[in-house]
Amino acid sequence: PGIAVNAEESGRRAGEGDLEWCVDPLDGTTNYA
């Protein structure tokens, strides 16, 4: 819960410290569609 998140659809969520999750929930959306 304390680690920041940078997600493609919902954007950035601040956190504590220097770690950050980078989330691509669906890499290849056009392929998927």
PDB file of all heavy atoms in Angstrom:
ATOM      1  N   PRO A   1       0.799  -1.229   0.000  1.00  0.00           N
ATOM      2  CA  PRO A   1       0.000   0.000   0.000  1.00  0.00           C
ATOM      3  C   PRO A   1       0.834   1.282   0.000  1.00  0.00           C
ATOM      4  O   PRO A   1       0.338   2.336  -0.415  1.00  0.00           O
ATOM      5  CB  PRO A   1      -0.826  -0.121   1.285  1.00  0.00           C
ATOM      6  CG  PRO A   1      -0.044  -1.054   2.162  1.00  0.00           C
ATOM      7  CD  PRO A   1       0.586  -2.034   1.219  1.00  0.00           C
ATOM      8  N   GLY A   2       2.079   1.217   0.440  1.00  0.00           N
ATOM      9  CA  GLY A   2       2.883   2.423   0.502  1.00  0.00           C
ATOM     10  C   GLY A   2       3.687   2.728  -0.747  1.00  0.00           C
ATOM     11  O   GLY A   2       4.334   3.782  -0.841  1.00  0.00           O
ATOM     12  N   ILE A   3       3.658   1.837  -1.734  1.00  0.00           N
ATOM     13  CA  ILE A   3       4.460   2.027  -2.943  1.00  0.00           C
ATOM     14  C   ILE A   3       3.638   2.739  -4.006  1.00  0.00           C
ATOM     15  O   ILE A   3       2.480   2.383  -4.263  1.00  0.00           O
ATOM     16  CB  ILE A   3       4.979   0.679  -3.479  1.00  0.00           C
ATOM     17  CG1 ILE A   3       5.943   0.061  -2.462  1.00  0.00           C
ATOM     18  CG2 ILE A   3       5.673   0.854  -4.824  1.00  0.00           C
ATOM     19  CD1 ILE A   3       6.530  -1.279  -2.894  1.00  0.00           C
ATOM     20  N   ALA A   4       4.221   3.735  -4.632  1.00  0.00           N
ATOM     21  CA  ALA A   4       3.555   4.496  -5.689  1.00  0.00           C
ATOM     22  C   ALA A   4       3.231   3.589  -6.876  1.00  0.00           C
ATOM     23  O   ALA A   4       3.881   2.561  -7.093  1.00  0.00           O
ATOM     24  CB  ALA A   4       4.429   5.654  -6.144  1.00  0.00           C
ATOM     25  N   VAL A   5       2.239   4.004  -7.651  1.00  0.00           N
ATOM     26  CA  VAL A   5       1.813   3.246  -8.829  1.00  0.00           C
ATOM     27  C   VAL A   5       1.668   4.197 -10.013  1.00  0.00           C
ATOM     28  O   VAL A   5       1.101   5.285  -9.884  1.00  0.00           O
ATOM     29  CB  VAL A   5       0.470   2.529  -8.588  1.00  0.00           C
ATOM     30  CG1 VAL A   5       0.002   1.817  -9.859  1.00  0.00           C
ATOM     31  CG2 VAL A   5       0.583   1.536  -7.438  1.00  0.00           C
ATOM     32  N   ASN A   6       2.178   3.782 -11.162  1.00  0.00           N
ATOM     33  CA  ASN A   6       1.980   4.489 -12.425  1.00  0.00           C
ATOM     34  C   ASN A   6       1.319   3.498 -13.373  1.00  0.00           C
ATOM     35  O   ASN A   6       1.979   2.603 -13.902  1.00  0.00           O
ATOM     36  CB  ASN A   6       3.312   4.976 -12.981  1.00  0.00           C
ATOM     37  CG  ASN A   6       3.144   5.834 -14.225  1.00  0.00           C
ATOM     38  OD1 ASN A   6       2.027   6.214 -14.578  1.00  0.00           O
ATOM     39  ND2 ASN A   6       4.249   6.135 -14.895  1.00  0.00           N
ATOM     40  N   ALA A   7      -0.003   3.623 -13.546  1.00  0.00           N
ATOM     41  CA  ALA A   7      -0.774   2.669 -14.341  1.00  0.00           C
ATOM     42  C   ALA A   7      -1.324   3.359 -15.584  1.00  0.00           C
ATOM     43  O   ALA A   7      -1.724   4.524 -15.545  1.00  0.00           O
ATOM     44  CB  ALA A   7      -1.914   2.089 -13.511  1.00  0.00           C
ATOM     45  N   GLU A   8      -1.372   2.606 -16.678  1.00  0.00           N
ATOM     46  CA  GLU A   8      -1.736   3.211 -17.965  1.00  0.00           C
ATOM     47  C   GLU A   8      -3.117   3.846 -17.953  1.00  0.00           C
ATOM     48  O   GLU A   8      -3.307   4.947 -18.473  1.00  0.00           O
ATOM     49  CB  GLU A   8      -1.663   2.174 -19.083  1.00  0.00           C
ATOM     50  CG  GLU A   8      -2.025   2.775 -20.436  1.00  0.00           C
ATOM     51  CD  GLU A   8      -1.861   1.832 -21.604  1.00  0.00           C
ATOM     52  OE1 GLU A   8      -1.680   0.621 -21.369  1.00  0.00           O
ATOM     53  OE2 GLU A   8      -1.911   2.310 -22.751  1.00  0.00           O
ATOM     54  N   GLU A   9      -4.103   3.183 -17.386  1.00  0.00           N
ATOM     55  CA  GLU A   9      -5.468   3.686 -17.493  1.00  0.00           C
ATOM     56  C   GLU A   9      -5.842   4.660 -16.386  1.00  0.00           C
ATOM     57  O   GLU A   9      -6.587   5.607 -16.622  1.00  0.00           O
ATOM     58  CB  GLU A   9      -6.458   2.510 -17.504  1.00  0.00           C
ATOM     59  CG  GLU A   9      -6.207   1.492 -18.607  1.00  0.00           C
ATOM     60  CD  GLU A   9      -6.142   2.110 -19.988  1.00  0.00           C
ATOM     61  OE1 GLU A   9      -6.777   3.156 -20.221  1.00  0.00           O
ATOM     62  OE2 GLU A   9      -5.430   1.552 -20.851  1.00  0.00           O
ATOM     63  N   SER A  10      -5.349   4.457 -15.185  1.00  0.00           N
ATOM     64  CA  SER A  10      -5.766   5.299 -14.060  1.00  0.00           C
ATOM     65  C   SER A  10      -4.733   6.337 -13.658  1.00  0.00           C
ATOM     66  O   SER A  10      -5.004   7.182 -12.794  1.00  0.00           O
ATOM     67  CB  SER A  10      -6.114   4.423 -12.846  1.00  0.00           C
ATOM     68  OG  SER A  10      -5.012   3.625 -12.470  1.00  0.00           O
ATOM     69  N   GLY A  11      -3.547   6.291 -14.255  1.00  0.00           N
ATOM     70  CA  GLY A  11      -2.544   7.302 -13.970  1.00  0.00           C
ATOM     71  C   GLY A  11      -1.720   7.010 -12.730  1.00  0.00           C
ATOM     72  O   GLY A  11      -1.590   5.868 -12.309  1.00  0.00           O
ATOM     73  N   ARG A  12      -1.183   8.071 -12.139  1.00  0.00           N
ATOM     74  CA  ARG A  12      -0.249   7.928 -11.022  1.00  0.00           C
ATOM     75  C   ARG A  12      -0.946   8.031  -9.681  1.00  0.00           C
ATOM     76  O   ARG A  12      -1.852   8.840  -9.486  1.00  0.00           O
ATOM     77  CB  ARG A  12       0.835   9.010 -11.097  1.00  0.00           C
ATOM     78  CG  ARG A  12       2.096   8.543 -11.811  1.00  0.00           C
ATOM     79  CD  ARG A  12       3.280   9.434 -11.462  1.00  0.00           C
ATOM     80  NE  ARG A  12       4.527   8.760 -11.778  1.00  0.00           N
ATOM     81  CZ  ARG A  12       5.222   8.963 -12.880  1.00  0.00           C
ATOM     82  NH1 ARG A  12       4.786   9.798 -13.795  1.00  0.00           N
ATOM     83  NH2 ARG A  12       6.366   8.319 -13.073  1.00  0.00           N
ATOM     84  N   ARG A  13      -0.474   7.194  -8.759  1.00  0.00           N
ATOM     85  CA  ARG A  13      -0.898   7.265  -7.369  1.00  0.00           C
ATOM     86  C   ARG A  13       0.345   7.441  -6.524  1.00  0.00           C
ATOM     87  O   ARG A  13       1.284   6.665  -6.620  1.00  0.00           O
ATOM     88  CB  ARG A  13      -1.624   5.978  -6.958  1.00  0.00           C
ATOM     89  CG  ARG A  13      -2.200   6.018  -5.551  1.00  0.00           C
ATOM     90  CD  ARG A  13      -2.608   4.625  -5.099  1.00  0.00           C
ATOM     91  NE  ARG A  13      -1.424   3.802  -4.793  1.00  0.00           N
ATOM     92  CZ  ARG A  13      -1.450   2.489  -4.643  1.00  0.00           C
ATOM     93  NH1 ARG A  13      -2.572   1.825  -4.830  1.00  0.00           N
ATOM     94  NH2 ARG A  13      -0.352   1.816  -4.348  1.00  0.00           N
ATOM     95  N   ALA A  14       0.374   8.483  -5.727  1.00  0.00           N
ATOM     96  CA  ALA A  14       1.554   8.786  -4.929  1.00  0.00           C
ATOM     97  C   ALA A  14       1.797   7.708  -3.883  1.00  0.00           C
ATOM     98  O   ALA A  14       0.871   7.010  -3.451  1.00  0.00           O
ATOM     99  CB  ALA A  14       1.397  10.149  -4.261  1.00  0.00           C
ATOM    100  N   GLY A  15       3.052   7.599  -3.480  1.00  0.00           N
ATOM    101  CA  GLY A  15       3.416   6.636  -2.451  1.00  0.00           C
ATOM    102  C   GLY A  15       4.541   7.167  -1.592  1.00  0.00           C
ATOM    103  O   GLY A  15       4.885   8.351  -1.662  1.00  0.00           O
ATOM    104  N   GLU A  16       5.105   6.285  -0.804  1.00  0.00           N
ATOM    105  CA  GLU A  16       6.214   6.642   0.074  1.00  0.00           C
ATOM    106  C   GLU A  16       7.501   6.024  -0.466  1.00  0.00           C
ATOM    107  O   GLU A  16       7.506   4.902  -0.959  1.00  0.00           O
ATOM    108  CB  GLU A  16       5.937   6.123   1.492  1.00  0.00           C
ATOM    109  CG  GLU A  16       4.607   6.575   2.066  1.00  0.00           C
ATOM    110  CD  GLU A  16       4.211   5.773   3.303  1.00  0.00           C
ATOM    111  OE1 GLU A  16       5.012   4.896   3.712  1.00  0.00           O
ATOM    112  OE2 GLU A  16       3.113   6.005   3.826  1.00  0.00           O
ATOM    113  N   GLY A  17       8.605   6.757  -0.363  1.00  0.00           N
ATOM    114  CA  GLY A  17       9.880   6.210  -0.776  1.00  0.00           C
ATOM    115  C   GLY A  17      10.121   6.326  -2.267  1.00  0.00           C
ATOM    116  O   GLY A  17       9.443   7.080  -2.977  1.00  0.00           O
ATOM    117  N   ASP A  18      11.079   5.554  -2.769  1.00  0.00           N
ATOM    118  CA  ASP A  18      11.573   5.701  -4.139  1.00  0.00           C
ATOM    119  C   ASP A  18      11.125   4.591  -5.079  1.00  0.00           C
ATOM    120  O   ASP A  18      11.533   4.564  -6.238  1.00  0.00           O
ATOM    121  CB  ASP A  18      13.104   5.740  -4.124  1.00  0.00           C
ATOM    122  CG  ASP A  18      13.648   6.927  -3.347  1.00  0.00           C
ATOM    123  OD1 ASP A  18      13.184   8.049  -3.608  1.00  0.00           O
ATOM    124  OD2 ASP A  18      14.524   6.729  -2.477  1.00  0.00           O
ATOM    125  N   LEU A  19      10.319   3.680  -4.597  1.00  0.00           N
ATOM    126  CA  LEU A  19       9.830   2.598  -5.445  1.00  0.00           C
ATOM    127  C   LEU A  19       8.526   3.005  -6.130  1.00  0.00           C
ATOM    128  O   LEU A  19       7.729   3.760  -5.566  1.00  0.00           O
ATOM    129  CB  LEU A  19       9.589   1.330  -4.622  1.00  0.00           C
ATOM    130  CG  LEU A  19      10.823   0.661  -4.017  1.00  0.00           C
ATOM    131  CD1 LEU A  19      10.403  -0.431  -3.043  1.00  0.00           C
ATOM    132  CD2 LEU A  19      11.734   0.083  -5.112  1.00  0.00           C
ATOM    133  N   GLU A  20       8.314   2.493  -7.340  1.00  0.00           N
ATOM    134  CA  GLU A  20       7.064   2.759  -8.054  1.00  0.00           C
ATOM    135  C   GLU A  20       6.736   1.575  -8.955  1.00  0.00           C
ATOM    136  O   GLU A  20       7.572   1.101  -9.718  1.00  0.00           O
ATOM    137  CB  GLU A  20       7.173   4.029  -8.900  1.00  0.00           C
ATOM    138  CG  GLU A  20       5.892   4.367  -9.647  1.00  0.00           C
ATOM    139  CD  GLU A  20       5.976   5.670 -10.409  1.00  0.00           C
ATOM    140  OE1 GLU A  20       6.764   5.734 -11.382  1.00  0.00           O
ATOM    141  OE2 GLU A  20       5.273   6.631 -10.047  1.00  0.00           O
ATOM    142  N   TRP A  21       5.489   1.124  -8.866  1.00  0.00           N
ATOM    143  CA  TRP A  21       4.993   0.098  -9.776  1.00  0.00           C
ATOM    144  C   TRP A  21       4.608   0.744 -11.101  1.00  0.00           C
ATOM    145  O   TRP A  21       3.972   1.796 -11.118  1.00  0.00           O
ATOM    146  CB  TRP A  21       3.772  -0.598  -9.187  1.00  0.00           C
ATOM    147  CG  TRP A  21       4.011  -1.443  -7.979  1.00  0.00           C
ATOM    148  CD1 TRP A  21       3.621  -1.170  -6.697  1.00  0.00           C
ATOM    149  CD2 TRP A  21       4.675  -2.716  -7.936  1.00  0.00           C
ATOM    150  NE1 TRP A  21       3.999  -2.185  -5.862  1.00  0.00           N
ATOM    151  CE2 TRP A  21       4.655  -3.153  -6.593  1.00  0.00           C
ATOM    152  CE3 TRP A  21       5.293  -3.521  -8.896  1.00  0.00           C
ATOM    153  CZ2 TRP A  21       5.223  -4.348  -6.181  1.00  0.00           C
ATOM    154  CZ3 TRP A  21       5.863  -4.717  -8.500  1.00  0.00           C
ATOM    155  CH2 TRP A  21       5.825  -5.125  -7.159  1.00  0.00           C
ATOM    156  N   CYS A  22       4.959   0.095 -12.197  1.00  0.00           N
ATOM    157  CA  CYS A  22       4.548   0.536 -13.531  1.00  0.00           C
ATOM    158  C   CYS A  22       3.678  -0.568 -14.120  1.00  0.00           C
ATOM    159  O   CYS A  22       4.149  -1.693 -14.334  1.00  0.00           O
ATOM    160  CB  CYS A  22       5.755   0.786 -14.422  1.00  0.00           C
ATOM    161  SG  CYS A  22       6.775   2.184 -13.899  1.00  0.00           S
ATOM    162  N   VAL A  23       2.421  -0.244 -14.381  1.00  0.00           N
ATOM    163  CA  VAL A  23       1.425  -1.265 -14.726  1.00  0.00           C
ATOM    164  C   VAL A  23       0.842  -1.007 -16.109  1.00  0.00           C
ATOM    165  O   VAL A  23       0.254   0.050 -16.370  1.00  0.00           O
ATOM    166  CB  VAL A  23       0.282  -1.278 -13.693  1.00  0.00           C
ATOM    167  CG1 VAL A  23      -0.793  -2.284 -14.103  1.00  0.00           C
ATOM    168  CG2 VAL A  23       0.813  -1.571 -12.300  1.00  0.00           C
ATOM    169  N   ASP A  24       1.008  -1.975 -16.992  1.00  0.00           N
ATOM    170  CA  ASP A  24       0.300  -1.991 -18.267  1.00  0.00           C
ATOM    171  C   ASP A  24      -0.663  -3.175 -18.212  1.00  0.00           C
ATOM    172  O   ASP A  24      -0.258  -4.322 -18.378  1.00  0.00           O
ATOM    173  CB  ASP A  24       1.265  -2.159 -19.440  1.00  0.00           C
ATOM    174  CG  ASP A  24       0.591  -1.883 -20.780  1.00  0.00           C
ATOM    175  OD1 ASP A  24      -0.647  -1.939 -20.834  1.00  0.00           O
ATOM    176  OD2 ASP A  24       1.299  -1.617 -21.766  1.00  0.00           O
ATOM    177  N   PRO A  25      -1.937  -2.919 -17.935  1.00  0.00           N
ATOM    178  CA  PRO A  25      -2.866  -4.030 -17.720  1.00  0.00           C
ATOM    179  C   PRO A  25      -3.109  -4.860 -18.971  1.00  0.00           C
ATOM    180  O   PRO A  25      -3.374  -6.062 -18.889  1.00  0.00           O
ATOM    181  CB  PRO A  25      -4.146  -3.335 -17.266  1.00  0.00           C
ATOM    182  CG  PRO A  25      -4.055  -1.961 -17.869  1.00  0.00           C
ATOM    183  CD  PRO A  25      -2.605  -1.608 -17.810  1.00  0.00           C
ATOM    184  N   LEU A  26      -3.032  -4.192 -20.133  1.00  0.00           N
ATOM    185  CA  LEU A  26      -3.223  -4.897 -21.394  1.00  0.00           C
ATOM    186  C   LEU A  26      -2.261  -4.315 -22.419  1.00  0.00           C
ATOM    187  O   LEU A  26      -2.573  -3.365 -23.132  1.00  0.00           O
ATOM    188  CB  LEU A  26      -4.678  -4.782 -21.870  1.00  0.00           C
ATOM    189  CG  LEU A  26      -5.042  -5.375 -23.238  1.00  0.00           C
ATOM    190  CD1 LEU A  26      -4.449  -6.759 -23.429  1.00  0.00           C
ATOM    191  CD2 LEU A  26      -6.545  -5.393 -23.427  1.00  0.00           C
ATOM    192  N   ASP A  27      -1.077  -4.863 -22.447  1.00  0.00           N
ATOM    193  CA  ASP A  27      -0.090  -4.461 -23.456  1.00  0.00           C
ATOM    194  C   ASP A  27      -0.468  -5.169 -24.755  1.00  0.00           C
ATOM    195  O   ASP A  27      -0.493  -6.389 -24.828  1.00  0.00           O
ATOM    196  CB  ASP A  27       1.308  -4.895 -23.003  1.00  0.00           C
ATOM    197  CG  ASP A  27       2.367  -4.529 -24.029  1.00  0.00           C
ATOM    198  OD1 ASP A  27       2.395  -3.361 -24.451  1.00  0.00           O
ATOM    199  OD2 ASP A  27       3.157  -5.413 -24.414  1.00  0.00           O
ATOM    200  N   GLY A  28      -0.786  -4.380 -25.780  1.00  0.00           N
ATOM    201  CA  GLY A  28      -1.281  -4.950 -27.024  1.00  0.00           C
ATOM    202  C   GLY A  28      -2.789  -4.863 -27.136  1.00  0.00           C
ATOM    203  O   GLY A  28      -3.438  -5.793 -27.607  1.00  0.00           O
ATOM    204  N   THR A  29      -3.361  -3.718 -26.739  1.00  0.00           N
ATOM    205  CA  THR A  29      -4.817  -3.572 -26.763  1.00  0.00           C
ATOM    206  C   THR A  29      -5.386  -3.718 -28.166  1.00  0.00           C
ATOM    207  O   THR A  29      -6.425  -4.361 -28.364  1.00  0.00           O
ATOM    208  CB  THR A  29      -5.229  -2.203 -26.173  1.00  0.00           C
ATOM    209  OG1 THR A  29      -4.810  -2.125 -24.820  1.00  0.00           O
ATOM    210  CG2 THR A  29      -6.736  -2.019 -26.235  1.00  0.00           C
ATOM    211  N   THR A  30      -4.735  -3.127 -29.161  1.00  0.00           N
ATOM    212  CA  THR A  30      -5.236  -3.240 -30.535  1.00  0.00           C
ATOM    213  C   THR A  30      -5.232  -4.697 -30.985  1.00  0.00           C
ATOM    214  O   THR A  30      -6.181  -5.162 -31.634  1.00  0.00           O
ATOM    215  CB  THR A  30      -4.405  -2.370 -31.483  1.00  0.00           C
ATOM    216  OG1 THR A  30      -4.455  -1.006 -31.045  1.00  0.00           O
ATOM    217  CG2 THR A  30      -4.931  -2.447 -32.913  1.00  0.00           C
ATOM    218  N   ASN A  31      -4.168  -5.431 -30.648  1.00  0.00           N
ATOM    219  CA  ASN A  31      -4.146  -6.864 -30.949  1.00  0.00           C
ATOM    220  C   ASN A  31      -5.342  -7.557 -30.311  1.00  0.00           C
ATOM    221  O   ASN A  31      -6.034  -8.356 -30.938  1.00  0.00           O
ATOM    222  CB  ASN A  31      -2.856  -7.499 -30.414  1.00  0.00           C
ATOM    223  CG  ASN A  31      -1.615  -7.035 -31.145  1.00  0.00           C
ATOM    224  OD1 ASN A  31      -1.704  -6.450 -32.223  1.00  0.00           O
ATOM    225  ND2 ASN A  31      -0.461  -7.295 -30.564  1.00  0.00           N
ATOM    226  N   TYR A  32      -5.533  -7.251 -29.040  1.00  0.00           N
ATOM    227  CA  TYR A  32      -6.619  -7.878 -28.273  1.00  0.00           C
ATOM    228  C   TYR A  32      -7.978  -7.606 -28.910  1.00  0.00           C
ATOM    229  O   TYR A  32      -8.800  -8.520 -29.077  1.00  0.00           O
ATOM    230  CB  TYR A  32      -6.580  -7.345 -26.845  1.00  0.00           C
ATOM    231  CG  TYR A  32      -7.470  -8.073 -25.866  1.00  0.00           C
ATOM    232  CD1 TYR A  32      -7.007  -9.186 -25.176  1.00  0.00           C
ATOM    233  CD2 TYR A  32      -8.758  -7.621 -25.605  1.00  0.00           C
ATOM    234  CE1 TYR A  32      -7.814  -9.848 -24.252  1.00  0.00           C
ATOM    235  CE2 TYR A  32      -9.581  -8.271 -24.690  1.00  0.00           C
ATOM    236  CZ  TYR A  32      -9.095  -9.391 -24.019  1.00  0.00           C
ATOM    237  OH  TYR A  32      -9.895 -10.050 -23.118  1.00  0.00           O
ATOM    238  N   ALA A  33      -8.201  -6.363 -29.294  1.00  0.00           N
ATOM    239  CA  ALA A  33      -9.487  -5.969 -29.866  1.00  0.00           C
ATOM    240  C   ALA A  33      -9.756  -6.664 -31.194  1.00  0.00           C
ATOM    241  O   ALA A  33     -10.918  -6.857 -31.582  1.00  0.00           O
ATOM    242  CB  ALA A  33      -9.536  -4.453 -30.048  1.00  0.00           C
TER     243      ALA A  33
END
